Amino acid sequence: MQLRENIAQDQEKSDASKSQMEQLKEKIHGIESEILQMETRLDELRRIQGQINTKATERSTLFTLQQQQYAALSEENEGKVQALVFPCSQ
């Protein structure tokens, strides 16, 4: 009789362990899905960050060009103003 009880207890423990394993497998699958989603989001964020960097570089370059053009225009206008103010000195 005791052997049957031991077998029954072992079977219950085995069933409980199988159930726990299935629950853990489901949790692992859920976590793997979350990791995949996060990796996808990270890839998207990296792509967006690359675009931001590109635009920042482009904006900086355009600003530098604008400053150069402004400086050249300022020099050109300075010469014209001097010619208008002191027409005989030229």
N, C-alpha and C. Protein backbone atom coordinates (compact mmCIF):
# COMPACT_ATOMS: atom_id res chain seq x y z
N MET A 1 0.82 -1.19 0.00
CA MET A 1 0.00 0.00 0.00
C MET A 1 0.86 1.26 0.00
N GLN A 2 1.93 1.23 0.80
CA GLN A 2 2.81 2.39 0.87
C GLN A 2 3.49 2.65 -0.47
N LEU A 3 3.82 1.62 -1.18
CA LEU A 3 4.45 1.77 -2.48
C LEU A 3 3.51 2.49 -3.44
N ARG A 4 2.24 2.13 -3.40
CA ARG A 4 1.25 2.80 -4.25
C ARG A 4 1.12 4.27 -3.86
N GLU A 5 1.14 4.55 -2.58
CA GLU A 5 1.06 5.94 -2.13
C GLU A 5 2.29 6.73 -2.59
N ASN A 6 3.45 6.12 -2.49
CA ASN A 6 4.67 6.78 -2.95
C ASN A 6 4.62 7.04 -4.45
N ILE A 7 4.14 6.06 -5.18
CA ILE A 7 4.01 6.22 -6.64
C ILE A 7 3.03 7.34 -6.95
N ALA A 8 1.92 7.38 -6.24
CA ALA A 8 0.90 8.41 -6.45
C ALA A 8 1.49 9.80 -6.13
N GLN A 9 2.22 9.90 -5.03
CA GLN A 9 2.85 11.17 -4.65
C GLN A 9 3.88 11.60 -5.69
N ASP A 10 4.66 10.63 -6.13
CA ASP A 10 5.65 10.94 -7.16
C ASP A 10 4.98 11.41 -8.45
N GLN A 11 3.87 10.77 -8.78
CA GLN A 11 3.13 11.15 -9.99
C GLN A 11 2.59 12.57 -9.83
N GLU A 12 2.09 12.90 -8.64
CA GLU A 12 1.58 14.26 -8.39
C GLU A 12 2.71 15.28 -8.50
N LYS A 13 3.86 14.95 -7.92
CA LYS A 13 5.01 15.85 -8.01
C LYS A 13 5.45 16.02 -9.46
N SER A 14 5.45 14.91 -10.19
CA SER A 14 5.82 14.95 -11.59
C SER A 14 4.86 15.82 -12.38
N ASP A 15 3.57 15.65 -12.13
CA ASP A 15 2.56 16.46 -12.82
C ASP A 15 2.70 17.94 -12.47
N ALA A 16 2.97 18.21 -11.20
CA ALA A 16 3.14 19.60 -10.75
C ALA A 16 4.38 20.21 -11.43
N SER A 17 5.44 19.43 -11.53
CA SER A 17 6.67 19.90 -12.17
C SER A 17 6.41 20.17 -13.65
N LYS A 18 5.67 19.28 -14.32
CA LYS A 18 5.35 19.49 -15.73
C LYS A 18 4.53 20.75 -15.92
N SER A 19 3.59 20.97 -15.02
CA SER A 19 2.76 22.16 -15.09
C SER A 19 3.60 23.42 -14.91
N GLN A 20 4.50 23.37 -13.94
CA GLN A 20 5.40 24.51 -13.72
C GLN A 20 6.28 24.76 -14.93
N MET A 21 6.76 23.68 -15.54
CA MET A 21 7.61 23.83 -16.73
C MET A 21 6.83 24.48 -17.87
N GLU A 22 5.60 24.09 -18.04
CA GLU A 22 4.77 24.68 -19.11
C GLU A 22 4.54 26.16 -18.84
N GLN A 23 4.28 26.50 -17.57
CA GLN A 23 4.09 27.92 -17.21
C GLN A 23 5.36 28.71 -17.47
N LEU A 24 6.48 28.12 -17.12
CA LEU A 24 7.76 28.80 -17.34
C LEU A 24 8.05 28.95 -18.83
N LYS A 25 7.71 27.94 -19.61
CA LYS A 25 7.89 28.03 -21.06
C LYS A 25 7.07 29.18 -21.63
N GLU A 26 5.83 29.32 -21.16
CA GLU A 26 4.97 30.42 -21.62
C GLU A 26 5.56 31.77 -21.22
N LYS A 27 6.07 31.86 -19.99
CA LYS A 27 6.69 33.12 -19.54
C LYS A 27 7.92 33.44 -20.38
N ILE A 28 8.72 32.42 -20.64
CA ILE A 28 9.93 32.60 -21.45
C ILE A 28 9.55 33.08 -22.85
N HIS A 29 8.52 32.48 -23.43
CA HIS A 29 8.07 32.88 -24.76
C HIS A 29 7.61 34.34 -24.73
N GLY A 30 6.87 34.71 -23.70
CA GLY A 30 6.41 36.10 -23.57
C GLY A 30 7.57 37.06 -23.44
N ILE A 31 8.55 36.71 -22.65
CA ILE A 31 9.72 37.56 -22.46
C ILE A 31 10.53 37.66 -23.76
N GLU A 32 10.66 36.55 -24.47
CA GLU A 32 11.37 36.58 -25.76
C GLU A 32 10.66 37.51 -26.74
N SER A 33 9.32 37.49 -26.73
CA SER A 33 8.55 38.38 -27.60
C SER A 33 8.79 39.84 -27.22
N GLU A 34 8.82 40.12 -25.92
CA GLU A 34 9.08 41.49 -25.46
C GLU A 34 10.49 41.93 -25.87
N ILE A 35 11.45 41.04 -25.75
CA ILE A 35 12.83 41.37 -26.15
C ILE A 35 12.88 41.69 -27.63
N LEU A 36 12.20 40.89 -28.45
CA LEU A 36 12.18 41.14 -29.89
C LEU A 36 11.56 42.50 -30.19
N GLN A 37 10.46 42.83 -29.50
CA GLN A 37 9.82 44.14 -29.70
C GLN A 37 10.77 45.27 -29.31
N MET A 38 11.47 45.09 -28.19
CA MET A 38 12.41 46.12 -27.74
C MET A 38 13.56 46.28 -28.72
N GLU A 39 14.06 45.17 -29.25
CA GLU A 39 15.13 45.24 -30.24
C GLU A 39 14.67 45.98 -31.49
N THR A 40 13.43 45.73 -31.90
CA THR A 40 12.86 46.42 -33.05
C THR A 40 12.76 47.91 -32.78
N ARG A 41 12.29 48.27 -31.58
CA ARG A 41 12.20 49.68 -31.21
C ARG A 41 13.57 50.33 -31.15
N LEU A 42 14.54 49.62 -30.61
CA LEU A 42 15.91 50.16 -30.55
C LEU A 42 16.46 50.41 -31.94
N ASP A 43 16.22 49.48 -32.85
CA ASP A 43 16.67 49.66 -34.24
C ASP A 43 16.04 50.91 -34.84
N GLU A 44 14.75 51.10 -34.57
CA GLU A 44 14.04 52.27 -35.08
C GLU A 44 14.62 53.55 -34.46
N LEU A 45 14.89 53.52 -33.17
CA LEU A 45 15.47 54.69 -32.50
C LEU A 45 16.86 55.00 -33.05
N ARG A 46 17.64 53.95 -33.32
CA ARG A 46 18.97 54.16 -33.90
C ARG A 46 18.86 54.80 -35.29
N ARG A 47 17.88 54.34 -36.07
CA ARG A 47 17.66 54.90 -37.41
C ARG A 47 17.27 56.38 -37.30
N ILE A 48 16.38 56.67 -36.37
CA ILE A 48 15.95 58.05 -36.18
C ILE A 48 17.11 58.91 -35.69
N GLN A 49 17.92 58.37 -34.77
CA GLN A 49 19.08 59.11 -34.28
C GLN A 49 20.05 59.40 -35.42
N GLY A 50 20.22 58.46 -36.32
CA GLY A 50 21.06 58.69 -37.49
C GLY A 50 20.53 59.82 -38.34
N GLN A 51 19.21 59.86 -38.52
CA GLN A 51 18.60 60.94 -39.29
C GLN A 51 18.80 62.28 -38.59
N ILE A 52 18.66 62.28 -37.27
CA ILE A 52 18.86 63.50 -36.50
C ILE A 52 20.30 63.99 -36.67
N ASN A 53 21.25 63.08 -36.57
CA ASN A 53 22.66 63.45 -36.73
C ASN A 53 22.93 64.02 -38.12
N THR A 54 22.35 63.39 -39.13
CA THR A 54 22.51 63.86 -40.50
C THR A 54 21.94 65.27 -40.66
N LYS A 55 20.76 65.48 -40.13
CA LYS A 55 20.13 66.80 -40.23
C LYS A 55 20.91 67.85 -39.44
N ALA A 56 21.45 67.47 -38.28
CA ALA A 56 22.24 68.41 -37.48
C ALA A 56 23.51 68.82 -38.24
N THR A 57 24.15 67.86 -38.87
CA THR A 57 25.35 68.15 -39.66
C THR A 57 24.99 69.05 -40.84
N GLU A 58 23.89 68.72 -41.48
CA GLU A 58 23.43 69.52 -42.63
C GLU A 58 23.12 70.95 -42.19
N ARG A 59 22.43 71.09 -41.06
CA ARG A 59 22.08 72.42 -40.55
C ARG A 59 23.34 73.21 -40.18
N SER A 60 24.29 72.54 -39.58
CA SER A 60 25.55 73.20 -39.20
C SER A 60 26.30 73.67 -40.44
N THR A 61 26.34 72.83 -41.45
CA THR A 61 27.01 73.19 -42.71
C THR A 61 26.32 74.39 -43.36
N LEU A 62 25.01 74.35 -43.40
CA LEU A 62 24.26 75.46 -44.00
C LEU A 62 24.46 76.74 -43.21
N PHE A 63 24.51 76.63 -41.89
CA PHE A 63 24.74 77.81 -41.06
C PHE A 63 26.12 78.41 -41.33
N THR A 64 27.11 77.55 -41.46
CA THR A 64 28.47 78.02 -41.77
C THR A 64 28.50 78.72 -43.12
N LEU A 65 27.85 78.13 -44.11
CA LEU A 65 27.77 78.76 -45.44
C LEU A 65 27.05 80.10 -45.37
N GLN A 66 25.99 80.15 -44.60
CA GLN A 66 25.24 81.40 -44.45
C GLN A 66 26.12 82.48 -43.81
N GLN A 67 26.88 82.10 -42.80
CA GLN A 67 27.79 83.07 -42.17
C GLN A 67 28.83 83.56 -43.15
N GLN A 68 29.36 82.66 -43.97
CA GLN A 68 30.36 83.06 -44.97
C GLN A 68 29.75 84.01 -45.99
N GLN A 69 28.53 83.70 -46.44
CA GLN A 69 27.85 84.56 -47.40
C GLN A 69 27.55 85.93 -46.79
N TYR A 70 27.15 85.91 -45.54
CA TYR A 70 26.86 87.17 -44.85
C TYR A 70 28.12 88.02 -44.73
N ALA A 71 29.23 87.38 -44.37
CA ALA A 71 30.50 88.09 -44.24
C ALA A 71 30.91 88.68 -45.59
N ALA A 72 30.78 87.90 -46.66
CA ALA A 72 31.14 88.38 -48.00
C ALA A 72 30.23 89.53 -48.42
N LEU A 73 28.96 89.42 -48.14
CA LEU A 73 28.00 90.48 -48.48
C LEU A 73 28.29 91.73 -47.66
N SER A 74 28.62 91.54 -46.42
CA SER A 74 28.95 92.67 -45.55
C SER A 74 30.17 93.41 -46.08
N GLU A 75 31.20 92.68 -46.49
CA GLU A 75 32.40 93.31 -47.06
C GLU A 75 32.06 94.06 -48.35
N GLU A 76 31.22 93.40 -49.16
CA GLU A 76 30.83 94.02 -50.44
C GLU A 76 30.05 95.31 -50.18
N ASN A 77 29.14 95.27 -49.24
CA ASN A 77 28.33 96.45 -48.91
C ASN A 77 29.19 97.55 -48.29
N GLU A 78 30.16 97.16 -47.49
CA GLU A 78 31.05 98.13 -46.87
C GLU A 78 31.80 98.93 -47.95
N GLY A 79 32.24 98.21 -48.96
CA GLY A 79 32.93 98.88 -50.08
C GLY A 79 32.00 99.83 -50.81
N LYS A 80 30.76 99.46 -51.01
CA LYS A 80 29.79 100.30 -51.71
C LYS A 80 29.45 101.53 -50.88
N VAL A 81 29.33 101.35 -49.56
CA VAL A 81 29.02 102.48 -48.69
C VAL A 81 30.17 103.48 -48.73
N GLN A 82 31.40 102.97 -48.67
CA GLN A 82 32.57 103.86 -48.73
C GLN A 82 32.60 104.62 -50.06
N ALA A 83 32.23 103.95 -51.13
CA ALA A 83 32.22 104.59 -52.46
C ALA A 83 31.17 105.69 -52.50
N LEU A 84 30.04 105.50 -51.81
CA LEU A 84 28.98 106.51 -51.79
C LEU A 84 29.35 107.68 -50.88
N VAL A 85 29.99 107.36 -49.76
CA VAL A 85 30.34 108.41 -48.80
C VAL A 85 31.54 109.21 -49.27
N PHE A 86 32.54 108.54 -49.80
CA PHE A 86 33.76 109.18 -50.27
C PHE A 86 33.97 108.90 -51.76
N PRO A 87 33.15 109.46 -52.61
CA PRO A 87 33.26 109.14 -54.04
C PRO A 87 34.56 109.62 -54.67
N CYS A 88 35.19 110.62 -54.13
CA CYS A 88 36.41 111.14 -54.74
C CYS A 88 37.64 110.31 -54.40
N SER A 89 37.58 109.52 -53.33
CA SER A 89 38.77 108.77 -52.92
C SER A 89 38.99 107.55 -53.77
N GLN A 90 38.12 107.24 -54.65
CA GLN A 90 38.28 106.03 -55.45
C GLN A 90 38.78 106.29 -56.80
